[in-house]
Amino acid sequence: MFFEPDGGSRVGFYGREGLAGQVGTSPEGSGFSGLVLTYVVRSETRVDEIVAEAEKAGATILKPAGALPWGGYGGTFADLDGYIWSIGYSAKGTDQPYAE
């Protein structure tokens, strides 16, 4: 389920197990809070750059950047505080004012 506030960023809700599987982690235990921060960018190249920057800074790569099952391109990592970030791009997303 998604909510799109007027002029704001989308907020999506997923089942815990499905979300954990999507980002490459286990839904069990304290390693997954059930929260994923998604950052949308305007090119596959930018996804690659951000994932590489995160890894260089010490992040744990959960899913390397690559093609996604739904047709987009993205990768996920856990930052040094344990927050999970999903970096994504979709060629179909032409009207994304919130994308970098």
PDB file of N, CA and C in Angstrom:
ATOM      1  N   MET A   1       0.850  -1.159   0.000  1.00  0.00           N
ATOM      2  CA  MET A   1       0.000   0.000   0.000  1.00  0.00           C
ATOM      3  C   MET A   1       0.902   1.230   0.000  1.00  0.00           C
ATOM      4  N   PHE A   2       0.544   2.211  -0.808  1.00  0.00           N
ATOM      5  CA  PHE A   2       1.309   3.451  -0.888  1.00  0.00           C
ATOM      6  C   PHE A   2       0.418   4.644  -0.569  1.00  0.00           C
ATOM      7  N   PHE A   3       1.014   5.629   0.056  1.00  0.00           N
ATOM      8  CA  PHE A   3       0.370   6.921   0.262  1.00  0.00           C
ATOM      9  C   PHE A   3       1.264   7.963  -0.375  1.00  0.00           C
ATOM     10  N   GLU A   4       0.672   8.889  -1.088  1.00  0.00           N
ATOM     11  CA  GLU A   4       1.441   9.956  -1.715  1.00  0.00           C
ATOM     12  C   GLU A   4       0.885  11.294  -1.269  1.00  0.00           C
ATOM     13  N   PRO A   5       1.536  11.901  -0.267  1.00  0.00           N
ATOM     14  CA  PRO A   5       1.076  13.203   0.216  1.00  0.00           C
ATOM     15  C   PRO A   5       1.193  14.262  -0.883  1.00  0.00           C
ATOM     16  N   ASP A   6       0.348  15.239  -0.827  1.00  0.00           N
ATOM     17  CA  ASP A   6       0.368  16.312  -1.812  1.00  0.00           C
ATOM     18  C   ASP A   6       1.714  17.018  -1.767  1.00  0.00           C
ATOM     19  N   GLY A   7       2.519  16.813  -2.805  1.00  0.00           N
ATOM     20  CA  GLY A   7       3.822  17.451  -2.882  1.00  0.00           C
ATOM     21  C   GLY A   7       4.908  16.783  -2.064  1.00  0.00           C
ATOM     22  N   GLY A   8       4.592  15.681  -1.400  1.00  0.00           N
ATOM     23  CA  GLY A   8       5.584  15.019  -0.558  1.00  0.00           C
ATOM     24  C   GLY A   8       6.057  13.705  -1.144  1.00  0.00           C
ATOM     25  N   SER A   9       6.878  13.023  -0.400  1.00  0.00           N
ATOM     26  CA  SER A   9       7.401  11.727  -0.814  1.00  0.00           C
ATOM     27  C   SER A   9       6.405  10.621  -0.499  1.00  0.00           C
ATOM     28  N   ARG A  10       6.443   9.591  -1.302  1.00  0.00           N
ATOM     29  CA  ARG A  10       5.562   8.443  -1.085  1.00  0.00           C
ATOM     30  C   ARG A  10       5.956   7.687   0.167  1.00  0.00           C
ATOM     31  N   VAL A  11       4.967   7.084   0.803  1.00  0.00           N
ATOM     32  CA  VAL A  11       5.183   6.211   1.938  1.00  0.00           C
ATOM     33  C   VAL A  11       4.525   4.888   1.584  1.00  0.00           C
ATOM     34  N   GLY A  12       5.285   3.798   1.663  1.00  0.00           N
ATOM     35  CA  GLY A  12       4.748   2.489   1.319  1.00  0.00           C
ATOM     36  C   GLY A  12       4.797   1.551   2.506  1.00  0.00           C
ATOM     37  N   PHE A  13       3.831   0.654   2.572  1.00  0.00           N
ATOM     38  CA  PHE A  13       3.774  -0.350   3.630  1.00  0.00           C
ATOM     39  C   PHE A  13       3.776  -1.737   3.005  1.00  0.00           C
ATOM     40  N   TYR A  14       4.666  -2.596   3.491  1.00  0.00           N
ATOM     41  CA  TYR A  14       4.813  -3.951   3.002  1.00  0.00           C
ATOM     42  C   TYR A  14       4.735  -4.907   4.181  1.00  0.00           C
ATOM     43  N   GLY A  15       4.490  -6.172   3.888  1.00  0.00           N
ATOM     44  CA  GLY A  15       4.600  -7.203   4.920  1.00  0.00           C
ATOM     45  C   GLY A  15       6.067  -7.375   5.287  1.00  0.00           C
ATOM     46  N   ARG A  16       6.350  -7.685   6.535  1.00  0.00           N
ATOM     47  CA  ARG A  16       7.724  -7.791   7.031  1.00  0.00           C
ATOM     48  C   ARG A  16       8.551  -8.799   6.239  1.00  0.00           C
ATOM     49  N   GLU A  17       8.018  -9.995   6.026  1.00  0.00           N
ATOM     50  CA  GLU A  17       8.781 -11.029   5.328  1.00  0.00           C
ATOM     51  C   GLU A  17       9.071 -10.635   3.883  1.00  0.00           C
ATOM     52  N   GLY A  18       8.066 -10.093   3.195  1.00  0.00           N
ATOM     53  CA  GLY A  18       8.257  -9.681   1.814  1.00  0.00           C
ATOM     54  C   GLY A  18       9.273  -8.561   1.689  1.00  0.00           C
ATOM     55  N   LEU A  19       9.211  -7.609   2.597  1.00  0.00           N
ATOM     56  CA  LEU A  19      10.147  -6.488   2.566  1.00  0.00           C
ATOM     57  C   LEU A  19      11.565  -6.963   2.852  1.00  0.00           C
ATOM     58  N   ALA A  20      11.719  -7.827   3.836  1.00  0.00           N
ATOM     59  CA  ALA A  20      13.047  -8.360   4.157  1.00  0.00           C
ATOM     60  C   ALA A  20      13.629  -9.101   2.961  1.00  0.00           C
ATOM     61  N   GLY A  21      12.817  -9.903   2.302  1.00  0.00           N
ATOM     62  CA  GLY A  21      13.280 -10.628   1.122  1.00  0.00           C
ATOM     63  C   GLY A  21      13.657  -9.699  -0.007  1.00  0.00           C
ATOM     64  N   GLN A  22      12.920  -8.624  -0.152  1.00  0.00           N
ATOM     65  CA  GLN A  22      13.176  -7.661  -1.226  1.00  0.00           C
ATOM     66  C   GLN A  22      14.529  -6.978  -1.053  1.00  0.00           C
ATOM     67  N   VAL A  23      14.930  -6.717   0.183  1.00  0.00           N
ATOM     68  CA  VAL A  23      16.184  -5.993   0.410  1.00  0.00           C
ATOM     69  C   VAL A  23      17.363  -6.908   0.751  1.00  0.00           C
ATOM     70  N   GLY A  24      17.125  -8.209   0.869  1.00  0.00           N
ATOM     71  CA  GLY A  24      18.222  -9.149   1.066  1.00  0.00           C
ATOM     72  C   GLY A  24      18.625  -9.400   2.497  1.00  0.00           C
ATOM     73  N   THR A  25      17.661  -9.382   3.407  1.00  0.00           N
ATOM     74  CA  THR A  25      17.970  -9.668   4.804  1.00  0.00           C
ATOM     75  C   THR A  25      16.918 -10.619   5.369  1.00  0.00           C
ATOM     76  N   SER A  26      17.136 -11.104   6.557  1.00  0.00           N
ATOM     77  CA  SER A  26      16.197 -12.016   7.201  1.00  0.00           C
ATOM     78  C   SER A  26      15.171 -11.232   8.008  1.00  0.00           C
ATOM     79  N   PRO A  27      13.905 -11.659   7.990  1.00  0.00           N
ATOM     80  CA  PRO A  27      12.896 -10.974   8.809  1.00  0.00           C
ATOM     81  C   PRO A  27      12.994 -11.339  10.290  1.00  0.00           C
ATOM     82  N   GLU A  28      13.843 -12.299  10.606  1.00  0.00           N
ATOM     83  CA  GLU A  28      13.963 -12.795  11.979  1.00  0.00           C
ATOM     84  C   GLU A  28      14.906 -11.946  12.823  1.00  0.00           C
ATOM     85  N   GLY A  29      14.692 -11.955  14.097  1.00  0.00           N
ATOM     86  CA  GLY A  29      15.624 -11.372  15.046  1.00  0.00           C
ATOM     87  C   GLY A  29      15.689  -9.856  15.033  1.00  0.00           C
ATOM     88  N   SER A  30      16.728  -9.347  15.684  1.00  0.00           N
ATOM     89  CA  SER A  30      16.857  -7.911  15.856  1.00  0.00           C
ATOM     90  C   SER A  30      17.638  -7.241  14.730  1.00  0.00           C
ATOM     91  N   GLY A  31      18.091  -7.998  13.721  1.00  0.00           N
ATOM     92  CA  GLY A  31      18.865  -7.414  12.645  1.00  0.00           C
ATOM     93  C   GLY A  31      18.043  -6.635  11.637  1.00  0.00           C
ATOM     94  N   PHE A  32      16.724  -6.785  11.679  1.00  0.00           N
ATOM     95  CA  PHE A  32      15.865  -6.088  10.724  1.00  0.00           C
ATOM     96  C   PHE A  32      14.741  -5.407  11.470  1.00  0.00           C
ATOM     97  N   SER A  33      14.720  -4.088  11.414  1.00  0.00           N
ATOM     98  CA  SER A  33      13.726  -3.322  12.165  1.00  0.00           C
ATOM     99  C   SER A  33      12.364  -3.293  11.486  1.00  0.00           C
ATOM    100  N   GLY A  34      12.323  -3.698  10.203  1.00  0.00           N
ATOM    101  CA  GLY A  34      11.073  -3.608   9.456  1.00  0.00           C
ATOM    102  C   GLY A  34      10.940  -2.292   8.715  1.00  0.00           C
ATOM    103  N   LEU A  35      11.969  -1.465   8.785  1.00  0.00           N
ATOM    104  CA  LEU A  35      11.975  -0.165   8.124  1.00  0.00           C
ATOM    105  C   LEU A  35      13.070  -0.147   7.064  1.00  0.00           C
ATOM    106  N   VAL A  36      12.704   0.291   5.856  1.00  0.00           N
ATOM    107  CA  VAL A  36      13.679   0.468   4.786  1.00  0.00           C
ATOM    108  C   VAL A  36      13.516   1.883   4.252  1.00  0.00           C
ATOM    109  N   LEU A  37      14.622   2.591   4.152  1.00  0.00           N
ATOM    110  CA  LEU A  37      14.624   3.936   3.588  1.00  0.00           C
ATOM    111  C   LEU A  37      14.952   3.815   2.104  1.00  0.00           C
ATOM    112  N   THR A  38      14.092   4.341   1.253  1.00  0.00           N
ATOM    113  CA  THR A  38      14.282   4.228  -0.190  1.00  0.00           C
ATOM    114  C   THR A  38      14.693   5.580  -0.757  1.00  0.00           C
ATOM    115  N   TYR A  39      15.715   5.535  -1.587  1.00  0.00           N
ATOM    116  CA  TYR A  39      16.226   6.735  -2.236  1.00  0.00           C
ATOM    117  C   TYR A  39      16.135   6.507  -3.736  1.00  0.00           C
ATOM    118  N   VAL A  40      15.375   7.345  -4.414  1.00  0.00           N
ATOM    119  CA  VAL A  40      15.141   7.193  -5.845  1.00  0.00           C
ATOM    120  C   VAL A  40      16.044   8.154  -6.608  1.00  0.00           C
ATOM    121  N   VAL A  41      16.725   7.614  -7.608  1.00  0.00           N
ATOM    122  CA  VAL A  41      17.636   8.415  -8.425  1.00  0.00           C
ATOM    123  C   VAL A  41      17.219   8.329  -9.890  1.00  0.00           C
ATOM    124  N   ARG A  42      17.864   9.111 -10.737  1.00  0.00           N
ATOM    125  CA  ARG A  42      17.451   9.232 -12.135  1.00  0.00           C
ATOM    126  C   ARG A  42      18.282   8.435 -13.136  1.00  0.00           C
ATOM    127  N   SER A  43      19.185   7.548 -12.651  1.00  0.00           N
ATOM    128  CA  SER A  43      19.949   6.725 -13.598  1.00  0.00           C
ATOM    129  C   SER A  43      20.535   5.503 -12.893  1.00  0.00           C
ATOM    130  N   GLU A  44      20.792   4.472 -13.686  1.00  0.00           N
ATOM    131  CA  GLU A  44      21.454   3.279 -13.167  1.00  0.00           C
ATOM    132  C   GLU A  44      22.864   3.629 -12.695  1.00  0.00           C
ATOM    133  N   THR A  45      23.514   4.519 -13.406  1.00  0.00           N
ATOM    134  CA  THR A  45      24.863   4.936 -13.048  1.00  0.00           C
ATOM    135  C   THR A  45      24.884   5.537 -11.646  1.00  0.00           C
ATOM    136  N   ARG A  46      23.860   6.345 -11.323  1.00  0.00           N
ATOM    137  CA  ARG A  46      23.819   6.962  -9.994  1.00  0.00           C
ATOM    138  C   ARG A  46      23.589   5.914  -8.912  1.00  0.00           C
ATOM    139  N   VAL A  47      22.780   4.896  -9.198  1.00  0.00           N
ATOM    140  CA  VAL A  47      22.605   3.785  -8.244  1.00  0.00           C
ATOM    141  C   VAL A  47      23.970   3.177  -7.958  1.00  0.00           C
ATOM    142  N   ASP A  48      24.712   2.841  -9.010  1.00  0.00           N
ATOM    143  CA  ASP A  48      26.038   2.238  -8.848  1.00  0.00           C
ATOM    144  C   ASP A  48      26.957   3.122  -8.019  1.00  0.00           C
ATOM    145  N   GLU A  49      26.941   4.429  -8.284  1.00  0.00           N
ATOM    146  CA  GLU A  49      27.796   5.366  -7.549  1.00  0.00           C
ATOM    147  C   GLU A  49      27.462   5.377  -6.061  1.00  0.00           C
ATOM    148  N   ILE A  50      26.179   5.443  -5.736  1.00  0.00           N
ATOM    149  CA  ILE A  50      25.779   5.529  -4.324  1.00  0.00           C
ATOM    150  C   ILE A  50      26.104   4.243  -3.581  1.00  0.00           C
ATOM    151  N   VAL A  51      25.841   3.103  -4.206  1.00  0.00           N
ATOM    152  CA  VAL A  51      26.150   1.826  -3.552  1.00  0.00           C
ATOM    153  C   VAL A  51      27.660   1.715  -3.334  1.00  0.00           C
ATOM    154  N   ALA A  52      28.468   2.129  -4.317  1.00  0.00           N
ATOM    155  CA  ALA A  52      29.928   2.099  -4.163  1.00  0.00           C
ATOM    156  C   ALA A  52      30.391   3.049  -3.059  1.00  0.00           C
ATOM    157  N   GLU A  53      29.798   4.245  -2.998  1.00  0.00           N
ATOM    158  CA  GLU A  53      30.144   5.211  -1.951  1.00  0.00           C
ATOM    159  C   GLU A  53      29.806   4.652  -0.572  1.00  0.00           C
ATOM    160  N   ALA A  54      28.656   4.002  -0.470  1.00  0.00           N
ATOM    161  CA  ALA A  54      28.236   3.429   0.807  1.00  0.00           C
ATOM    162  C   ALA A  54      29.203   2.326   1.242  1.00  0.00           C
ATOM    163  N   GLU A  55      29.568   1.460   0.309  1.00  0.00           N
ATOM    164  CA  GLU A  55      30.495   0.372   0.642  1.00  0.00           C
ATOM    165  C   GLU A  55      31.846   0.929   1.087  1.00  0.00           C
ATOM    166  N   LYS A  56      32.328   1.932   0.386  1.00  0.00           N
ATOM    167  CA  LYS A  56      33.603   2.565   0.736  1.00  0.00           C
ATOM    168  C   LYS A  56      33.552   3.173   2.137  1.00  0.00           C
ATOM    169  N   ALA A  57      32.373   3.671   2.531  1.00  0.00           N
ATOM    170  CA  ALA A  57      32.195   4.282   3.853  1.00  0.00           C
ATOM    171  C   ALA A  57      31.972   3.248   4.956  1.00  0.00           C
ATOM    172  N   GLY A  58      31.920   1.958   4.589  1.00  0.00           N
ATOM    173  CA  GLY A  58      31.784   0.911   5.603  1.00  0.00           C
ATOM    174  C   GLY A  58      30.422   0.259   5.686  1.00  0.00           C
ATOM    175  N   ALA A  59      29.512   0.609   4.785  1.00  0.00           N
ATOM    176  CA  ALA A  59      28.189  -0.015   4.784  1.00  0.00           C
ATOM    177  C   ALA A  59      28.301  -1.489   4.394  1.00  0.00           C
ATOM    178  N   THR A  60      27.330  -2.273   4.822  1.00  0.00           N
ATOM    179  CA  THR A  60      27.242  -3.681   4.444  1.00  0.00           C
ATOM    180  C   THR A  60      26.306  -3.801   3.260  1.00  0.00           C
ATOM    181  N   ILE A  61      26.808  -4.278   2.136  1.00  0.00           N
ATOM    182  CA  ILE A  61      25.985  -4.440   0.949  1.00  0.00           C
ATOM    183  C   ILE A  61      25.111  -5.673   1.132  1.00  0.00           C
ATOM    184  N   LEU A  62      23.807  -5.478   1.075  1.00  0.00           N
ATOM    185  CA  LEU A  62      22.862  -6.586   1.222  1.00  0.00           C
ATOM    186  C   LEU A  62      22.481  -7.175  -0.135  1.00  0.00           C
ATOM    187  N   LYS A  63      22.303  -6.306  -1.115  1.00  0.00           N
ATOM    188  CA  LYS A  63      22.056  -6.712  -2.498  1.00  0.00           C
ATOM    189  C   LYS A  63      22.838  -5.758  -3.399  1.00  0.00           C
ATOM    190  N   PRO A  64      23.813  -6.283  -4.144  1.00  0.00           N
ATOM    191  CA  PRO A  64      24.555  -5.413  -5.051  1.00  0.00           C
ATOM    192  C   PRO A  64      23.621  -4.794  -6.083  1.00  0.00           C
ATOM    193  N   ALA A  65      24.002  -3.665  -6.626  1.00  0.00           N
ATOM    194  CA  ALA A  65      23.201  -3.006  -7.647  1.00  0.00           C
ATOM    195  C   ALA A  65      23.025  -3.933  -8.842  1.00  0.00           C
ATOM    196  N   GLY A  66      21.796  -3.971  -9.353  1.00  0.00           N
ATOM    197  CA  GLY A  66      21.498  -4.809 -10.501  1.00  0.00           C
ATOM    198  C   GLY A  66      20.033  -4.701 -10.877  1.00  0.00           C
ATOM    199  N   ALA A  67      19.655  -5.453 -11.900  1.00  0.00           N
ATOM    200  CA  ALA A  67      18.267  -5.471 -12.366  1.00  0.00           C
ATOM    201  C   ALA A  67      17.359  -6.015 -11.269  1.00  0.00           C
ATOM    202  N   LEU A  68      16.178  -5.406 -11.115  1.00  0.00           N
ATOM    203  CA  LEU A  68      15.204  -5.819 -10.109  1.00  0.00           C
ATOM    204  C   LEU A  68      14.063  -6.599 -10.767  1.00  0.00           C
ATOM    205  N   PRO A  69      13.425  -7.495 -10.032  1.00  0.00           N
ATOM    206  CA  PRO A  69      12.370  -8.329 -10.612  1.00  0.00           C
ATOM    207  C   PRO A  69      11.227  -7.535 -11.248  1.00  0.00           C
ATOM    208  N   TRP A  70      10.949  -6.348 -10.757  1.00  0.00           N
ATOM    209  CA  TRP A  70       9.830  -5.562 -11.278  1.00  0.00           C
ATOM    210  C   TRP A  70      10.222  -4.697 -12.470  1.00  0.00           C
ATOM    211  N   GLY A  71      11.501  -4.779 -12.893  1.00  0.00           N
ATOM    212  CA  GLY A  71      11.928  -4.060 -14.075  1.00  0.00           C
ATOM    213  C   GLY A  71      12.802  -2.857 -13.821  1.00  0.00           C
ATOM    214  N   GLY A  72      13.002  -2.481 -12.592  1.00  0.00           N
ATOM    215  CA  GLY A  72      13.866  -1.352 -12.278  1.00  0.00           C
ATOM    216  C   GLY A  72      15.295  -1.799 -12.075  1.00  0.00           C
ATOM    217  N   TYR A  73      16.075  -0.948 -11.468  1.00  0.00           N
ATOM    218  CA  TYR A  73      17.480  -1.208 -11.200  1.00  0.00           C
ATOM    219  C   TYR A  73      17.767  -0.665  -9.810  1.00  0.00           C
ATOM    220  N   GLY A  74      18.462  -1.421  -8.973  1.00  0.00           N
ATOM    221  CA  GLY A  74      18.731  -0.920  -7.637  1.00  0.00           C
ATOM    222  C   GLY A  74      19.635  -1.823  -6.837  1.00  0.00           C
ATOM    223  N   GLY A  75      19.915  -1.395  -5.631  1.00  0.00           N
ATOM    224  CA  GLY A  75      20.720  -2.152  -4.689  1.00  0.00           C
ATOM    225  C   GLY A  75      20.359  -1.741  -3.277  1.00  0.00           C
ATOM    226  N   THR A  76      20.758  -2.546  -2.305  1.00  0.00           N
ATOM    227  CA  THR A  76      20.467  -2.211  -0.907  1.00  0.00           C
ATOM    228  C   THR A  76      21.709  -2.402  -0.044  1.00  0.00           C
ATOM    229  N   PHE A  77      21.758  -1.605   1.009  1.00  0.00           N
ATOM    230  CA  PHE A  77      22.855  -1.732   1.960  1.00  0.00           C
ATOM    231  C   PHE A  77      22.364  -1.331   3.344  1.00  0.00           C
ATOM    232  N   ALA A  78      23.097  -1.794   4.351  1.00  0.00           N
ATOM    233  CA  ALA A  78      22.861  -1.377   5.737  1.00  0.00           C
ATOM    234  C   ALA A  78      23.968  -0.400   6.097  1.00  0.00           C
ATOM    235  N   ASP A  79      23.575   0.780   6.590  1.00  0.00           N
ATOM    236  CA  ASP A  79      24.586   1.774   6.966  1.00  0.00           C
ATOM    237  C   ASP A  79      25.220   1.392   8.297  1.00  0.00           C
ATOM    238  N   LEU A  80      26.145   2.205   8.764  1.00  0.00           N
ATOM    239  CA  LEU A  80      26.887   1.884   9.975  1.00  0.00           C
ATOM    240  C   LEU A  80      26.016   1.835  11.224  1.00  0.00           C
ATOM    241  N   ASP A  81      24.840   2.472  11.180  1.00  0.00           N
ATOM    242  CA  ASP A  81      23.915   2.426  12.302  1.00  0.00           C
ATOM    243  C   ASP A  81      22.904   1.290  12.166  1.00  0.00           C
ATOM    244  N   GLY A  82      22.997   0.522  11.076  1.00  0.00           N
ATOM    245  CA  GLY A  82      22.110  -0.612  10.865  1.00  0.00           C
ATOM    246  C   GLY A  82      20.849  -0.296  10.071  1.00  0.00           C
ATOM    247  N   TYR A  83      20.683   0.946   9.655  1.00  0.00           N
ATOM    248  CA  TYR A  83      19.515   1.290   8.840  1.00  0.00           C
ATOM    249  C   TYR A  83      19.710   0.741   7.432  1.00  0.00           C
ATOM    250  N   ILE A  84      18.644   0.217   6.867  1.00  0.00           N
ATOM    251  CA  ILE A  84      18.709  -0.352   5.526  1.00  0.00           C
ATOM    252  C   ILE A  84      18.227   0.679   4.521  1.00  0.00           C
ATOM    253  N   TRP A  85      19.029   0.846   3.478  1.00  0.00           N
ATOM    254  CA  TRP A  85      18.739   1.778   2.398  1.00  0.00           C
ATOM    255  C   TRP A  85      18.557   1.011   1.106  1.00  0.00           C
ATOM    256  N   SER A  86      17.521   1.340   0.383  1.00  0.00           N
ATOM    257  CA  SER A  86      17.273   0.794  -0.944  1.00  0.00           C
ATOM    258  C   SER A  86      17.427   1.938  -1.933  1.00  0.00           C
ATOM    259  N   ILE A  87      18.376   1.789  -2.847  1.00  0.00           N
ATOM    260  CA  ILE A  87      18.630   2.816  -3.854  1.00  0.00           C
ATOM    261  C   ILE A  87      18.026   2.305  -5.153  1.00  0.00           C
ATOM    262  N   GLY A  88      17.141   3.082  -5.783  1.00  0.00           N
ATOM    263  CA  GLY A  88      16.466   2.563  -6.955  1.00  0.00           C
ATOM    264  C   GLY A  88      16.296   3.551  -8.089  1.00  0.00           C
ATOM    265  N   TYR A  89      16.163   2.975  -9.283  1.00  0.00           N
ATOM    266  CA  TYR A  89      15.919   3.730 -10.501  1.00  0.00           C
ATOM    267  C   TYR A  89      14.934   2.945 -11.354  1.00  0.00           C
ATOM    268  N   SER A  90      14.041   3.662 -12.019  1.00  0.00           N
ATOM    269  CA  SER A  90      13.135   3.037 -12.982  1.00  0.00           C
ATOM    270  C   SER A  90      12.994   3.943 -14.191  1.00  0.00           C
ATOM    271  N   ALA A  91      13.230   3.390 -15.363  1.00  0.00           N
ATOM    272  CA  ALA A  91      13.069   4.155 -16.603  1.00  0.00           C
ATOM    273  C   ALA A  91      11.616   4.562 -16.811  1.00  0.00           C
ATOM    274  N   LYS A  92      10.696   3.846 -16.172  1.00  0.00           N
ATOM    275  CA  LYS A  92       9.270   4.159 -16.301  1.00  0.00           C
ATOM    276  C   LYS A  92       8.877   5.359 -15.457  1.00  0.00           C
ATOM    277  N   GLY A  93       9.694   5.729 -14.488  1.00  0.00           N
ATOM    278  CA  GLY A  93       9.387   6.835 -13.586  1.00  0.00           C
ATOM    279  C   GLY A  93       9.793   8.170 -14.170  1.00  0.00           C
ATOM    280  N   THR A  94       9.014   8.692 -15.092  1.00  0.00           N
ATOM    281  CA  THR A  94       9.378   9.944 -15.747  1.00  0.00           C
ATOM    282  C   THR A  94       8.974  11.178 -14.949  1.00  0.00           C
ATOM    283  N   ASP A  95       7.983  11.069 -14.105  1.00  0.00           N
ATOM    284  CA  ASP A  95       7.514  12.214 -13.329  1.00  0.00           C
ATOM    285  C   ASP A  95       7.777  11.958 -11.849  1.00  0.00           C
ATOM    286  N   GLN A  96       9.032  12.064 -11.461  1.00  0.00           N
ATOM    287  CA  GLN A  96       9.428  11.793 -10.086  1.00  0.00           C
ATOM    288  C   GLN A  96      10.146  13.019  -9.521  1.00  0.00           C
ATOM    289  N   PRO A  97       9.406  14.028  -9.069  1.00  0.00           N
ATOM    290  CA  PRO A  97      10.057  15.232  -8.580  1.00  0.00           C
ATOM    291  C   PRO A  97      10.907  14.981  -7.340  1.00  0.00           C
ATOM    292  N   TYR A  98      10.683  13.872  -6.666  1.00  0.00           N
ATOM    293  CA  TYR A  98      11.428  13.549  -5.451  1.00  0.00           C
ATOM    294  C   TYR A  98      12.734  12.831  -5.761  1.00  0.00           C
ATOM    295  N   ALA A  99      12.981  12.438  -7.025  1.00  0.00           N
ATOM    296  CA  ALA A  99      14.202  11.710  -7.374  1.00  0.00           C
ATOM    297  C   ALA A  99      15.379  12.664  -7.482  1.00  0.00           C
ATOM    298  N   GLU A 100      16.545  12.161  -7.129  1.00  0.00           N
ATOM    299  CA  GLU A 100      17.778  12.938  -7.248  1.00  0.00           C
ATOM    300  C   GLU A 100      18.138  13.076  -8.708  1.00  0.00           C
TER     301      GLU A 100
END
